[in-house]
N, C-alpha and C. Protein backbone atom coordinates (compact mmCIF):
# COMPACT_ATOMS: atom_id res chain seq x y z
N MET A 1 105.46 103.84 151.12
CA MET A 1 104.83 103.55 149.82
C MET A 1 104.34 102.11 149.79
N ASP A 2 103.10 101.92 149.43
CA ASP A 2 102.53 100.57 149.38
C ASP A 2 102.76 99.98 148.02
N HIS A 3 103.63 98.98 147.95
CA HIS A 3 103.96 98.36 146.67
C HIS A 3 103.36 96.97 146.55
N SER A 4 102.37 96.68 147.38
CA SER A 4 101.79 95.34 147.33
C SER A 4 101.08 95.12 146.03
N GLY A 5 101.06 93.86 145.57
CA GLY A 5 100.35 93.54 144.33
C GLY A 5 100.73 92.15 143.89
N THR A 6 100.14 91.73 142.79
CA THR A 6 100.45 90.43 142.26
C THR A 6 101.63 90.53 141.31
N THR A 7 102.21 89.39 141.00
CA THR A 7 103.25 89.32 139.98
C THR A 7 102.85 88.28 138.95
N ARG A 8 101.59 88.32 138.61
CA ARG A 8 101.00 87.27 137.79
C ARG A 8 101.04 87.64 136.31
N LYS A 9 101.48 86.71 135.49
CA LYS A 9 101.32 86.83 134.05
C LYS A 9 100.04 86.13 133.64
N PRO A 10 99.49 86.47 132.46
CA PRO A 10 98.35 85.69 131.98
C PRO A 10 98.74 84.22 131.89
N GLY A 11 97.81 83.34 132.27
CA GLY A 11 98.12 81.92 132.25
C GLY A 11 97.85 81.30 130.89
N PHE A 12 98.82 80.64 130.33
CA PHE A 12 98.68 80.00 129.02
C PHE A 12 99.17 78.57 129.15
N GLY A 13 98.23 77.64 129.27
CA GLY A 13 98.60 76.25 129.49
C GLY A 13 98.54 75.42 128.23
N ALA A 14 98.53 74.12 128.41
CA ALA A 14 98.53 73.20 127.28
C ALA A 14 97.28 73.34 126.43
N ASN A 15 96.17 73.77 127.05
CA ASN A 15 94.92 73.92 126.32
C ASN A 15 94.70 75.35 125.85
N THR A 16 95.78 76.03 125.54
CA THR A 16 95.70 77.42 125.10
C THR A 16 94.77 77.55 123.90
N THR A 17 93.83 78.50 123.99
CA THR A 17 92.91 78.74 122.90
C THR A 17 93.44 79.87 122.03
N GLN A 18 92.76 80.10 120.89
CA GLN A 18 93.15 81.21 120.03
C GLN A 18 93.02 82.53 120.79
N ARG A 19 91.97 82.64 121.59
CA ARG A 19 91.80 83.86 122.36
C ARG A 19 92.94 84.04 123.35
N ASP A 20 93.34 82.99 124.02
CA ASP A 20 94.46 83.08 124.95
C ASP A 20 95.75 83.47 124.22
N ARG A 21 95.93 82.95 123.03
CA ARG A 21 97.13 83.28 122.26
C ARG A 21 97.15 84.76 121.90
N GLU A 22 95.97 85.34 121.67
CA GLU A 22 95.93 86.77 121.40
C GLU A 22 96.36 87.57 122.64
N GLU A 23 95.91 87.14 123.82
CA GLU A 23 96.35 87.79 125.05
C GLU A 23 97.86 87.65 125.23
N GLU A 24 98.37 86.48 124.92
CA GLU A 24 99.81 86.26 125.04
C GLU A 24 100.57 87.16 124.07
N SER A 25 100.04 87.32 122.86
CA SER A 25 100.68 88.20 121.87
C SER A 25 100.74 89.63 122.37
N VAL A 26 99.64 90.08 122.99
CA VAL A 26 99.62 91.43 123.54
C VAL A 26 100.66 91.56 124.65
N TYR A 27 100.69 90.58 125.54
CA TYR A 27 101.64 90.63 126.67
C TYR A 27 103.08 90.76 126.16
N HIS A 28 103.45 89.92 125.21
CA HIS A 28 104.84 89.92 124.75
C HIS A 28 105.16 91.17 123.93
N ALA A 29 104.18 91.69 123.18
CA ALA A 29 104.42 92.93 122.44
C ALA A 29 104.66 94.09 123.39
N LEU A 30 103.84 94.19 124.44
CA LEU A 30 104.03 95.25 125.42
C LEU A 30 105.37 95.11 126.14
N GLU A 31 105.71 93.88 126.47
CA GLU A 31 106.98 93.61 127.15
C GLU A 31 108.16 94.08 126.30
N ARG A 32 108.07 93.84 124.98
CA ARG A 32 109.15 94.28 124.09
C ARG A 32 109.25 95.80 124.03
N TYR A 33 108.11 96.47 123.99
CA TYR A 33 108.12 97.93 123.97
C TYR A 33 108.83 98.49 125.21
N TYR A 34 108.47 97.96 126.38
CA TYR A 34 109.07 98.49 127.60
C TYR A 34 110.53 98.08 127.75
N SER A 35 110.88 96.89 127.29
CA SER A 35 112.28 96.46 127.36
C SER A 35 113.16 97.36 126.50
N ALA A 36 112.59 97.80 125.37
CA ALA A 36 113.35 98.68 124.46
C ALA A 36 113.26 100.15 124.87
N GLY A 37 112.39 100.45 125.86
CA GLY A 37 112.22 101.83 126.29
C GLY A 37 111.54 102.70 125.25
N LYS A 38 110.69 102.08 124.42
CA LYS A 38 110.09 102.81 123.30
C LYS A 38 108.57 102.65 123.24
N ALA A 39 107.92 102.60 124.38
CA ALA A 39 106.46 102.53 124.37
C ALA A 39 105.92 103.89 123.92
N PRO A 40 105.27 103.97 122.76
CA PRO A 40 104.90 105.29 122.20
C PRO A 40 103.88 106.03 123.03
N TRP A 41 103.10 105.33 123.84
CA TRP A 41 102.08 105.98 124.67
C TRP A 41 102.66 106.46 125.99
N ASP A 42 103.88 106.07 126.31
CA ASP A 42 104.49 106.39 127.60
C ASP A 42 105.54 107.47 127.39
N THR A 43 105.08 108.73 127.28
CA THR A 43 105.96 109.83 126.89
C THR A 43 106.68 110.49 128.06
N GLY A 44 106.21 110.20 129.30
CA GLY A 44 106.79 110.89 130.44
C GLY A 44 106.19 112.26 130.68
N VAL A 45 105.18 112.64 129.90
CA VAL A 45 104.51 113.94 130.03
C VAL A 45 103.03 113.70 130.30
N THR A 46 102.50 114.32 131.34
CA THR A 46 101.07 114.20 131.62
C THR A 46 100.27 114.95 130.57
N PRO A 47 99.32 114.30 129.92
CA PRO A 47 98.58 114.96 128.84
C PRO A 47 97.73 116.11 129.33
N PRO A 48 97.59 117.15 128.51
CA PRO A 48 96.81 118.32 128.94
C PRO A 48 95.35 118.00 129.24
N GLU A 49 94.82 116.95 128.63
CA GLU A 49 93.43 116.56 128.89
C GLU A 49 93.23 116.14 130.34
N LEU A 50 94.22 115.43 130.90
CA LEU A 50 94.14 115.06 132.31
C LEU A 50 94.41 116.26 133.20
N VAL A 51 95.36 117.09 132.81
CA VAL A 51 95.65 118.30 133.59
C VAL A 51 94.41 119.19 133.68
N ALA A 52 93.68 119.32 132.57
CA ALA A 52 92.48 120.15 132.57
C ALA A 52 91.43 119.61 133.54
N LEU A 53 91.34 118.28 133.62
CA LEU A 53 90.36 117.66 134.52
C LEU A 53 90.73 117.88 135.98
N VAL A 54 92.04 117.94 136.24
CA VAL A 54 92.52 118.05 137.62
C VAL A 54 92.74 119.51 138.05
N GLU A 55 93.14 120.35 137.11
CA GLU A 55 93.52 121.72 137.46
C GLU A 55 92.72 122.79 136.73
N GLY A 56 91.84 122.40 135.81
CA GLY A 56 91.14 123.36 134.97
C GLY A 56 89.98 124.05 135.67
N ASN A 57 89.15 124.72 134.86
CA ASN A 57 88.04 125.50 135.40
C ASN A 57 86.97 124.62 136.03
N ASP A 58 86.78 123.43 135.49
CA ASP A 58 85.75 122.51 136.01
C ASP A 58 86.40 121.29 136.64
N THR A 59 87.26 121.52 137.62
CA THR A 59 88.00 120.44 138.23
C THR A 59 87.07 119.50 139.00
N LEU A 60 87.48 118.24 139.04
CA LEU A 60 86.74 117.26 139.81
C LEU A 60 87.08 117.39 141.29
N PRO A 61 86.14 117.11 142.17
CA PRO A 61 86.47 117.06 143.60
C PRO A 61 87.50 115.96 143.85
N LEU A 62 88.41 116.19 144.76
CA LEU A 62 89.42 115.18 145.06
C LEU A 62 88.76 113.92 145.58
N GLY A 63 89.36 112.78 145.25
CA GLY A 63 88.82 111.50 145.69
C GLY A 63 89.82 110.40 145.39
N ARG A 64 89.29 109.24 145.02
CA ARG A 64 90.12 108.07 144.75
C ARG A 64 90.20 107.84 143.24
N ALA A 65 91.39 107.57 142.75
CA ALA A 65 91.61 107.37 141.32
C ALA A 65 92.25 106.02 141.06
N LEU A 66 91.87 105.41 139.95
CA LEU A 66 92.46 104.16 139.49
C LEU A 66 92.94 104.37 138.07
N GLU A 67 94.24 104.14 137.83
CA GLU A 67 94.77 104.21 136.48
C GLU A 67 94.94 102.80 135.94
N LEU A 68 94.36 102.54 134.79
CA LEU A 68 94.45 101.24 134.13
C LEU A 68 95.55 101.31 133.07
N GLY A 69 96.55 100.44 133.20
CA GLY A 69 97.67 100.48 132.27
C GLY A 69 98.53 101.70 132.55
N CYS A 70 99.11 101.77 133.75
CA CYS A 70 99.79 102.99 134.19
C CYS A 70 101.16 103.18 133.59
N GLY A 71 101.71 102.16 132.92
CA GLY A 71 103.06 102.30 132.36
C GLY A 71 104.07 102.63 133.43
N THR A 72 104.92 103.60 133.15
CA THR A 72 106.00 103.93 134.09
C THR A 72 105.58 104.94 135.15
N GLY A 73 104.28 105.21 135.25
CA GLY A 73 103.76 105.92 136.41
C GLY A 73 103.70 107.43 136.36
N THR A 74 103.94 108.02 135.20
CA THR A 74 103.93 109.48 135.10
C THR A 74 102.61 110.07 135.59
N ASN A 75 101.50 109.53 135.12
CA ASN A 75 100.20 110.14 135.41
C ASN A 75 99.67 109.77 136.78
N ALA A 76 99.96 108.55 137.23
CA ALA A 76 99.59 108.17 138.59
C ALA A 76 100.31 109.06 139.60
N THR A 77 101.59 109.32 139.36
CA THR A 77 102.36 110.20 140.24
C THR A 77 101.80 111.62 140.20
N TYR A 78 101.45 112.08 139.01
CA TYR A 78 100.86 113.42 138.87
C TYR A 78 99.58 113.53 139.70
N LEU A 79 98.70 112.55 139.59
CA LEU A 79 97.44 112.60 140.33
C LEU A 79 97.69 112.61 141.84
N ALA A 80 98.60 111.76 142.29
CA ALA A 80 98.90 111.70 143.73
C ALA A 80 99.46 113.03 144.23
N ARG A 81 100.30 113.65 143.44
CA ARG A 81 100.89 114.93 143.86
C ARG A 81 99.85 116.05 143.88
N HIS A 82 98.73 115.82 143.23
CA HIS A 82 97.65 116.82 143.24
C HIS A 82 96.51 116.42 144.17
N GLY A 83 96.81 115.54 145.12
CA GLY A 83 95.87 115.29 146.20
C GLY A 83 94.96 114.10 146.04
N TRP A 84 95.09 113.35 144.96
CA TRP A 84 94.26 112.17 144.77
C TRP A 84 94.85 110.97 145.50
N GLU A 85 93.97 110.07 145.97
CA GLU A 85 94.40 108.79 146.51
C GLU A 85 94.44 107.81 145.34
N VAL A 86 95.63 107.37 144.96
CA VAL A 86 95.82 106.72 143.66
C VAL A 86 96.23 105.26 143.78
N THR A 87 95.55 104.42 143.00
CA THR A 87 95.97 103.05 142.74
C THR A 87 96.22 102.94 141.25
N ALA A 88 97.27 102.24 140.87
CA ALA A 88 97.62 102.10 139.46
C ALA A 88 97.95 100.64 139.17
N VAL A 89 97.57 100.19 137.98
CA VAL A 89 97.73 98.79 137.58
C VAL A 89 98.43 98.71 136.24
N ASP A 90 99.38 97.80 136.12
CA ASP A 90 99.96 97.52 134.81
C ASP A 90 100.35 96.05 134.71
N LEU A 91 100.32 95.55 133.49
CA LEU A 91 100.56 94.13 133.22
C LEU A 91 102.04 93.78 133.15
N ILE A 92 102.89 94.77 132.84
CA ILE A 92 104.30 94.51 132.56
C ILE A 92 105.16 94.82 133.78
N ASP A 93 105.91 93.83 134.23
CA ASP A 93 106.63 94.00 135.49
C ASP A 93 107.67 95.10 135.44
N SER A 94 108.35 95.29 134.30
CA SER A 94 109.37 96.34 134.23
C SER A 94 108.72 97.73 134.30
N ALA A 95 107.53 97.88 133.73
CA ALA A 95 106.82 99.15 133.84
C ALA A 95 106.40 99.40 135.28
N VAL A 96 105.92 98.37 135.95
CA VAL A 96 105.51 98.49 137.35
C VAL A 96 106.69 98.92 138.21
N ALA A 97 107.85 98.31 137.99
CA ALA A 97 109.03 98.67 138.77
C ALA A 97 109.39 100.14 138.56
N GLN A 98 109.33 100.61 137.32
CA GLN A 98 109.64 102.01 137.05
C GLN A 98 108.59 102.94 137.66
N ALA A 99 107.33 102.52 137.63
CA ALA A 99 106.28 103.35 138.22
C ALA A 99 106.49 103.50 139.72
N ARG A 100 106.85 102.42 140.37
CA ARG A 100 107.10 102.49 141.80
C ARG A 100 108.28 103.39 142.12
N GLU A 101 109.33 103.29 141.32
CA GLU A 101 110.50 104.14 141.53
C GLU A 101 110.16 105.61 141.31
N LYS A 102 109.37 105.87 140.26
CA LYS A 102 109.01 107.26 139.95
C LYS A 102 108.18 107.87 141.06
N ALA A 103 107.21 107.11 141.57
CA ALA A 103 106.36 107.62 142.65
C ALA A 103 107.18 107.85 143.91
N SER A 104 108.06 106.92 144.22
CA SER A 104 108.89 107.04 145.41
C SER A 104 109.79 108.26 145.32
N ALA A 105 110.40 108.47 144.15
CA ALA A 105 111.30 109.61 143.98
C ALA A 105 110.57 110.94 144.12
N ALA A 106 109.28 110.94 143.76
CA ALA A 106 108.49 112.16 143.85
C ALA A 106 107.82 112.32 145.21
N GLY A 107 107.98 111.33 146.08
CA GLY A 107 107.32 111.38 147.37
C GLY A 107 105.82 111.26 147.26
N ALA A 108 105.37 110.56 146.22
CA ALA A 108 103.93 110.42 145.95
C ALA A 108 103.43 109.06 146.44
N ALA A 109 102.32 109.07 147.17
CA ALA A 109 101.76 107.83 147.71
C ALA A 109 100.87 107.16 146.66
N VAL A 110 101.47 106.30 145.85
CA VAL A 110 100.75 105.57 144.80
C VAL A 110 100.86 104.07 145.08
N ARG A 111 99.73 103.38 145.08
CA ARG A 111 99.73 101.91 145.16
C ARG A 111 99.84 101.39 143.73
N VAL A 112 100.98 100.83 143.40
CA VAL A 112 101.20 100.32 142.05
C VAL A 112 101.10 98.80 142.09
N LEU A 113 100.13 98.24 141.39
CA LEU A 113 99.88 96.81 141.39
C LEU A 113 100.25 96.20 140.05
N HIS A 114 100.83 95.02 140.12
CA HIS A 114 101.20 94.26 138.92
C HIS A 114 100.08 93.30 138.60
N GLY A 115 99.36 93.55 137.51
CA GLY A 115 98.26 92.67 137.17
C GLY A 115 97.55 93.11 135.91
N ASP A 116 96.46 92.43 135.62
CA ASP A 116 95.71 92.56 134.37
C ASP A 116 94.49 93.45 134.60
N ALA A 117 94.37 94.52 133.82
CA ALA A 117 93.25 95.45 133.96
C ALA A 117 91.92 94.82 133.61
N THR A 118 91.92 93.66 132.95
CA THR A 118 90.67 92.97 132.65
C THR A 118 90.32 91.93 133.72
N ARG A 119 91.16 91.81 134.73
CA ARG A 119 90.94 90.83 135.81
C ARG A 119 91.12 91.51 137.17
N LEU A 120 90.41 92.59 137.37
CA LEU A 120 90.57 93.36 138.60
C LEU A 120 90.14 92.58 139.84
N ASP A 121 89.26 91.58 139.67
CA ASP A 121 88.83 90.79 140.82
C ASP A 121 89.99 89.99 141.43
N GLU A 122 91.07 89.82 140.69
CA GLU A 122 92.23 89.09 141.19
C GLU A 122 93.22 90.02 141.90
N LEU A 123 92.91 91.32 141.92
CA LEU A 123 93.80 92.30 142.53
C LEU A 123 93.12 92.97 143.71
N ASP A 124 93.91 93.64 144.52
CA ASP A 124 93.39 94.33 145.70
C ASP A 124 92.97 95.74 145.31
N VAL A 125 91.87 95.82 144.57
CA VAL A 125 91.35 97.12 144.13
C VAL A 125 89.82 97.15 144.32
N PRO A 126 89.36 97.15 145.57
CA PRO A 126 87.93 97.04 145.82
C PRO A 126 87.13 98.28 145.43
N GLY A 127 87.77 99.45 145.37
CA GLY A 127 87.02 100.66 145.10
C GLY A 127 86.23 101.10 146.33
N PRO A 128 85.28 102.02 146.17
CA PRO A 128 84.93 102.65 144.89
C PRO A 128 85.92 103.75 144.51
N PHE A 129 85.95 104.04 143.21
CA PHE A 129 86.82 105.08 142.68
C PHE A 129 85.99 106.17 142.03
N ASP A 130 86.49 107.39 142.15
CA ASP A 130 85.80 108.56 141.60
C ASP A 130 86.32 108.92 140.21
N LEU A 131 87.54 108.50 139.90
CA LEU A 131 88.15 108.81 138.62
C LEU A 131 88.91 107.60 138.12
N PHE A 132 88.70 107.29 136.85
CA PHE A 132 89.47 106.26 136.16
C PHE A 132 90.21 106.92 135.01
N PHE A 133 91.48 106.55 134.86
CA PHE A 133 92.27 107.11 133.76
C PHE A 133 92.88 105.97 132.96
N ASP A 134 92.76 106.08 131.65
CA ASP A 134 93.21 105.02 130.75
C ASP A 134 93.87 105.66 129.55
N LEU A 135 95.19 105.54 129.47
CA LEU A 135 95.96 106.07 128.35
C LEU A 135 96.40 104.91 127.47
N SER A 136 95.57 104.57 126.49
CA SER A 136 95.86 103.52 125.50
C SER A 136 95.79 102.10 126.04
N CYS A 137 95.16 101.88 127.18
CA CYS A 137 95.03 100.52 127.71
C CYS A 137 93.89 99.78 127.02
N TYR A 138 92.69 100.32 127.09
CA TYR A 138 91.51 99.62 126.56
C TYR A 138 91.68 99.28 125.08
N CYS A 139 92.18 100.22 124.30
CA CYS A 139 92.27 99.99 122.86
C CYS A 139 93.28 98.90 122.51
N GLY A 140 94.16 98.55 123.46
CA GLY A 140 95.12 97.48 123.22
C GLY A 140 94.66 96.12 123.71
N ILE A 141 93.49 96.07 124.34
CA ILE A 141 92.98 94.82 124.90
C ILE A 141 92.27 94.03 123.80
N PRO A 142 92.53 92.72 123.69
CA PRO A 142 91.79 91.92 122.70
C PRO A 142 90.29 92.07 122.91
N PRO A 143 89.52 92.13 121.83
CA PRO A 143 88.07 92.37 121.96
C PRO A 143 87.36 91.43 122.91
N HIS A 144 87.80 90.17 123.00
CA HIS A 144 87.07 89.24 123.86
C HIS A 144 87.28 89.50 125.34
N ARG A 145 88.22 90.38 125.71
CA ARG A 145 88.44 90.73 127.12
C ARG A 145 87.86 92.10 127.49
N ARG A 146 87.29 92.81 126.53
CA ARG A 146 86.85 94.18 126.80
C ARG A 146 85.61 94.25 127.69
N ASP A 147 84.72 93.27 127.56
CA ASP A 147 83.56 93.24 128.45
C ASP A 147 84.00 93.10 129.91
N ALA A 148 85.01 92.26 130.14
CA ALA A 148 85.51 92.06 131.50
C ALA A 148 86.14 93.33 132.05
N TYR A 149 86.86 94.05 131.21
CA TYR A 149 87.45 95.33 131.61
C TYR A 149 86.34 96.29 132.04
N ALA A 150 85.32 96.44 131.19
CA ALA A 150 84.24 97.37 131.47
C ALA A 150 83.47 96.98 132.74
N ALA A 151 83.22 95.69 132.91
CA ALA A 151 82.48 95.23 134.09
C ALA A 151 83.29 95.46 135.36
N GLY A 152 84.58 95.15 135.32
CA GLY A 152 85.42 95.34 136.50
C GLY A 152 85.52 96.79 136.91
N LEU A 153 85.63 97.66 135.92
CA LEU A 153 85.70 99.09 136.19
C LEU A 153 84.36 99.59 136.76
N THR A 154 83.27 99.19 136.12
CA THR A 154 81.95 99.65 136.55
C THR A 154 81.63 99.19 137.96
N ASP A 155 82.01 97.97 138.30
CA ASP A 155 81.77 97.45 139.66
C ASP A 155 82.47 98.29 140.72
N ARG A 156 83.51 99.03 140.32
CA ARG A 156 84.31 99.79 141.27
C ARG A 156 84.08 101.29 141.15
N ALA A 157 83.07 101.67 140.40
CA ALA A 157 82.81 103.10 140.17
C ALA A 157 81.88 103.67 141.23
N ALA A 158 82.29 104.78 141.80
CA ALA A 158 81.42 105.52 142.72
C ALA A 158 80.32 106.20 141.90
N PRO A 159 79.19 106.50 142.52
CA PRO A 159 78.17 107.28 141.81
C PRO A 159 78.77 108.59 141.29
N GLY A 160 78.49 108.90 140.03
CA GLY A 160 79.02 110.12 139.44
C GLY A 160 80.48 110.05 139.03
N ALA A 161 81.07 108.85 139.03
CA ALA A 161 82.49 108.70 138.67
C ALA A 161 82.73 109.14 137.24
N ARG A 162 83.97 109.48 136.95
CA ARG A 162 84.38 109.90 135.62
C ARG A 162 85.44 108.95 135.09
N LEU A 163 85.37 108.65 133.80
CA LEU A 163 86.39 107.87 133.11
C LEU A 163 86.95 108.70 131.97
N LEU A 164 88.24 108.97 132.00
CA LEU A 164 88.93 109.66 130.91
C LEU A 164 89.81 108.65 130.21
N MET A 165 89.54 108.43 128.92
CA MET A 165 90.23 107.39 128.16
C MET A 165 90.79 107.96 126.85
N PHE A 166 92.05 107.64 126.60
CA PHE A 166 92.66 107.94 125.31
C PHE A 166 92.78 106.63 124.54
N GLY A 167 92.36 106.65 123.28
CA GLY A 167 92.45 105.42 122.51
C GLY A 167 92.72 105.66 121.05
N TYR A 168 93.36 104.68 120.43
CA TYR A 168 93.57 104.69 118.99
C TYR A 168 92.30 104.22 118.31
N GLY A 169 91.93 104.87 117.21
CA GLY A 169 90.79 104.43 116.44
C GLY A 169 91.12 103.20 115.62
N PRO A 170 90.12 102.61 114.97
CA PRO A 170 90.37 101.45 114.10
C PRO A 170 91.38 101.79 113.00
N GLU A 171 92.21 100.81 112.65
CA GLU A 171 93.20 101.02 111.59
C GLU A 171 92.49 101.26 110.27
N PRO A 172 92.86 102.33 109.55
CA PRO A 172 92.26 102.55 108.23
C PRO A 172 92.55 101.39 107.28
N VAL A 173 91.63 101.13 106.37
CA VAL A 173 91.80 100.06 105.39
C VAL A 173 93.07 100.32 104.58
N GLY A 174 93.86 99.28 104.43
CA GLY A 174 95.09 99.40 103.65
C GLY A 174 96.33 99.71 104.46
N ASN A 175 96.15 100.06 105.76
CA ASN A 175 97.31 100.29 106.60
C ASN A 175 98.04 98.97 106.86
N PRO A 176 99.35 99.03 107.09
CA PRO A 176 100.07 97.80 107.44
C PRO A 176 99.47 97.16 108.69
N MET A 177 99.44 95.85 108.72
CA MET A 177 98.90 95.13 109.88
C MET A 177 99.74 95.43 111.11
N PRO A 178 99.11 95.79 112.23
CA PRO A 178 99.89 96.06 113.45
C PRO A 178 100.51 94.78 113.99
N GLU A 179 101.40 94.96 114.97
CA GLU A 179 102.14 93.83 115.53
C GLU A 179 101.21 92.79 116.13
N VAL A 180 100.13 93.22 116.74
CA VAL A 180 99.12 92.31 117.31
C VAL A 180 97.83 92.49 116.52
N THR A 181 97.26 91.40 116.04
CA THR A 181 96.11 91.46 115.15
C THR A 181 94.96 92.27 115.73
N SER A 182 94.65 92.06 117.01
CA SER A 182 93.49 92.72 117.59
C SER A 182 93.68 94.23 117.72
N TRP A 183 94.91 94.72 117.68
CA TRP A 183 95.14 96.15 117.81
C TRP A 183 94.55 96.93 116.64
N ALA A 184 94.31 96.28 115.52
CA ALA A 184 93.68 96.95 114.39
C ALA A 184 92.25 97.36 114.69
N GLU A 185 91.64 96.71 115.71
CA GLU A 185 90.25 97.02 116.06
C GLU A 185 90.10 98.44 116.59
N GLY A 186 91.13 98.94 117.33
CA GLY A 186 91.02 100.25 117.94
C GLY A 186 89.81 100.34 118.85
N VAL A 187 89.29 101.56 119.01
CA VAL A 187 88.11 101.78 119.85
C VAL A 187 87.30 102.91 119.24
N THR A 188 85.98 102.81 119.34
CA THR A 188 85.08 103.83 118.81
C THR A 188 84.09 104.27 119.89
N ALA A 189 83.48 105.41 119.66
CA ALA A 189 82.46 105.91 120.59
C ALA A 189 81.29 104.94 120.67
N ASP A 190 80.88 104.39 119.53
CA ASP A 190 79.76 103.44 119.53
C ASP A 190 80.06 102.22 120.39
N GLU A 191 81.30 101.74 120.33
CA GLU A 191 81.66 100.58 121.14
C GLU A 191 81.56 100.91 122.63
N LEU A 192 82.05 102.07 123.01
CA LEU A 192 82.02 102.44 124.43
C LEU A 192 80.59 102.60 124.92
N ARG A 193 79.71 103.13 124.10
CA ARG A 193 78.30 103.23 124.51
C ARG A 193 77.72 101.85 124.78
N THR A 194 78.14 100.86 124.01
CA THR A 194 77.63 99.50 124.17
C THR A 194 78.26 98.80 125.36
N LYS A 195 79.58 98.97 125.52
CA LYS A 195 80.31 98.24 126.56
C LYS A 195 80.10 98.80 127.96
N PHE A 196 79.70 100.05 128.06
CA PHE A 196 79.60 100.71 129.37
C PHE A 196 78.16 101.14 129.67
N PRO A 197 77.23 100.19 129.82
CA PRO A 197 75.87 100.58 130.21
C PRO A 197 75.90 101.22 131.60
N GLY A 198 75.04 102.20 131.78
CA GLY A 198 75.03 102.92 133.05
C GLY A 198 75.99 104.09 133.07
N TRP A 199 76.73 104.26 131.97
CA TRP A 199 77.62 105.40 131.80
C TRP A 199 77.10 106.25 130.64
N GLU A 200 77.41 107.53 130.68
CA GLU A 200 77.08 108.42 129.58
C GLU A 200 78.36 108.89 128.91
N LEU A 201 78.39 108.81 127.59
CA LEU A 201 79.54 109.33 126.85
C LEU A 201 79.39 110.85 126.79
N LEU A 202 80.20 111.54 127.56
CA LEU A 202 80.05 112.99 127.72
C LEU A 202 80.78 113.78 126.66
N ASP A 203 81.87 113.24 126.14
CA ASP A 203 82.69 114.02 125.21
C ASP A 203 83.58 113.10 124.40
N VAL A 204 83.80 113.47 123.14
CA VAL A 204 84.76 112.79 122.27
C VAL A 204 85.55 113.87 121.55
N ILE A 205 86.86 113.88 121.77
CA ILE A 205 87.71 114.89 121.15
C ILE A 205 88.80 114.17 120.35
N PRO A 206 88.92 114.47 119.06
CA PRO A 206 89.99 113.85 118.27
C PRO A 206 91.36 114.23 118.82
N GLY A 207 92.29 113.26 118.80
CA GLY A 207 93.66 113.54 119.21
C GLY A 207 94.42 114.25 118.11
N THR A 208 95.64 114.60 118.42
CA THR A 208 96.48 115.33 117.46
C THR A 208 97.51 114.43 116.79
N ASN A 209 97.38 113.11 116.97
CA ASN A 209 98.35 112.17 116.41
C ASN A 209 98.17 112.03 114.91
N PRO A 210 99.22 111.58 114.20
CA PRO A 210 99.10 111.39 112.75
C PRO A 210 98.16 110.25 112.37
N VAL A 211 97.87 109.36 113.30
CA VAL A 211 96.89 108.29 113.08
C VAL A 211 95.64 108.63 113.89
N PRO A 212 94.48 108.04 113.56
CA PRO A 212 93.25 108.40 114.29
C PRO A 212 93.33 108.05 115.77
N THR A 213 93.15 109.04 116.62
CA THR A 213 93.11 108.85 118.07
C THR A 213 92.00 109.73 118.64
N PHE A 214 91.55 109.38 119.84
CA PHE A 214 90.45 110.12 120.45
C PHE A 214 90.60 110.16 121.97
N TRP A 215 90.10 111.25 122.55
CA TRP A 215 89.91 111.33 123.99
C TRP A 215 88.43 111.16 124.27
N PHE A 216 88.09 110.17 125.06
CA PHE A 216 86.70 109.89 125.43
C PHE A 216 86.52 110.21 126.92
N THR A 217 85.44 110.91 127.23
CA THR A 217 85.08 111.14 128.62
C THR A 217 83.72 110.52 128.88
N LEU A 218 83.66 109.62 129.87
CA LEU A 218 82.41 108.97 130.25
C LEU A 218 82.08 109.31 131.70
N GLY A 219 80.80 109.45 131.98
CA GLY A 219 80.35 109.74 133.33
C GLY A 219 79.41 108.67 133.83
N ARG A 220 79.64 108.22 135.04
CA ARG A 220 78.76 107.25 135.68
C ARG A 220 77.56 107.99 136.24
N ALA A 221 76.39 107.40 136.09
CA ALA A 221 75.18 108.05 136.59
C ALA A 221 75.28 108.27 138.10
N PRO A 222 74.83 109.44 138.59
CA PRO A 222 74.78 109.64 140.05
C PRO A 222 73.81 108.66 140.69
N GLU A 223 74.04 108.37 141.96
CA GLU A 223 73.14 107.47 142.68
C GLU A 223 71.80 108.17 142.89
N THR A 224 70.73 107.45 142.60
CA THR A 224 69.40 108.04 142.77
C THR A 224 68.62 107.26 143.83
N SER A 225 67.73 107.93 144.48
CA SER A 225 66.91 107.29 145.52
C SER A 225 65.70 106.62 144.89
N ASP A 226 65.35 105.44 145.40
CA ASP A 226 64.17 104.73 144.91
C ASP A 226 62.89 105.21 145.57
N SER A 227 63.01 106.04 146.58
CA SER A 227 61.83 106.48 147.32
C SER A 227 61.11 107.60 146.60
């Protein structure tokens, strides 16, 4: 099992900006969730939306997959056990450790890297990848880092790649303020159309959660000949 990766936290120095402080707030909030074993997005069950993509009637051809924000590795392990070549990234070291243990116990060849999904250039993830999976990662990223996330992912996308993303929608007016201010932003279909040029938003399916959630499917344009 290849467990190589960085052990880097976001850098926050003496000249910390408000934007950096928002990243730090996200880091520490996620760390608390995993330390308490209560990350609500990390259920230990592979969602049926991903299962349908891998095992359903219109399955994707096997290839290389990158999971952004893999948590404790349930879905990365699932993909590897179904024949995908999988790399997974998470920001929280305790989640990364659990993901590596889970993959090892299942005999699944998953490269689990410790790092920031908005700074893929600092990690050993050259791509290209045919499938990207994101379970609540993008919607938790401060808005000022979302362009970097989209650019890093797009740079590593194979022609015709697919992105399956689960995200929380914007907080309804009047709801209690979330633990991290930027988390109230959520994610919308319109935002993804703007942030991911060269991709097509193929599907938007509302989630079944008591708060607004959505499954977004995006497709990268196939490579075309200039001749």
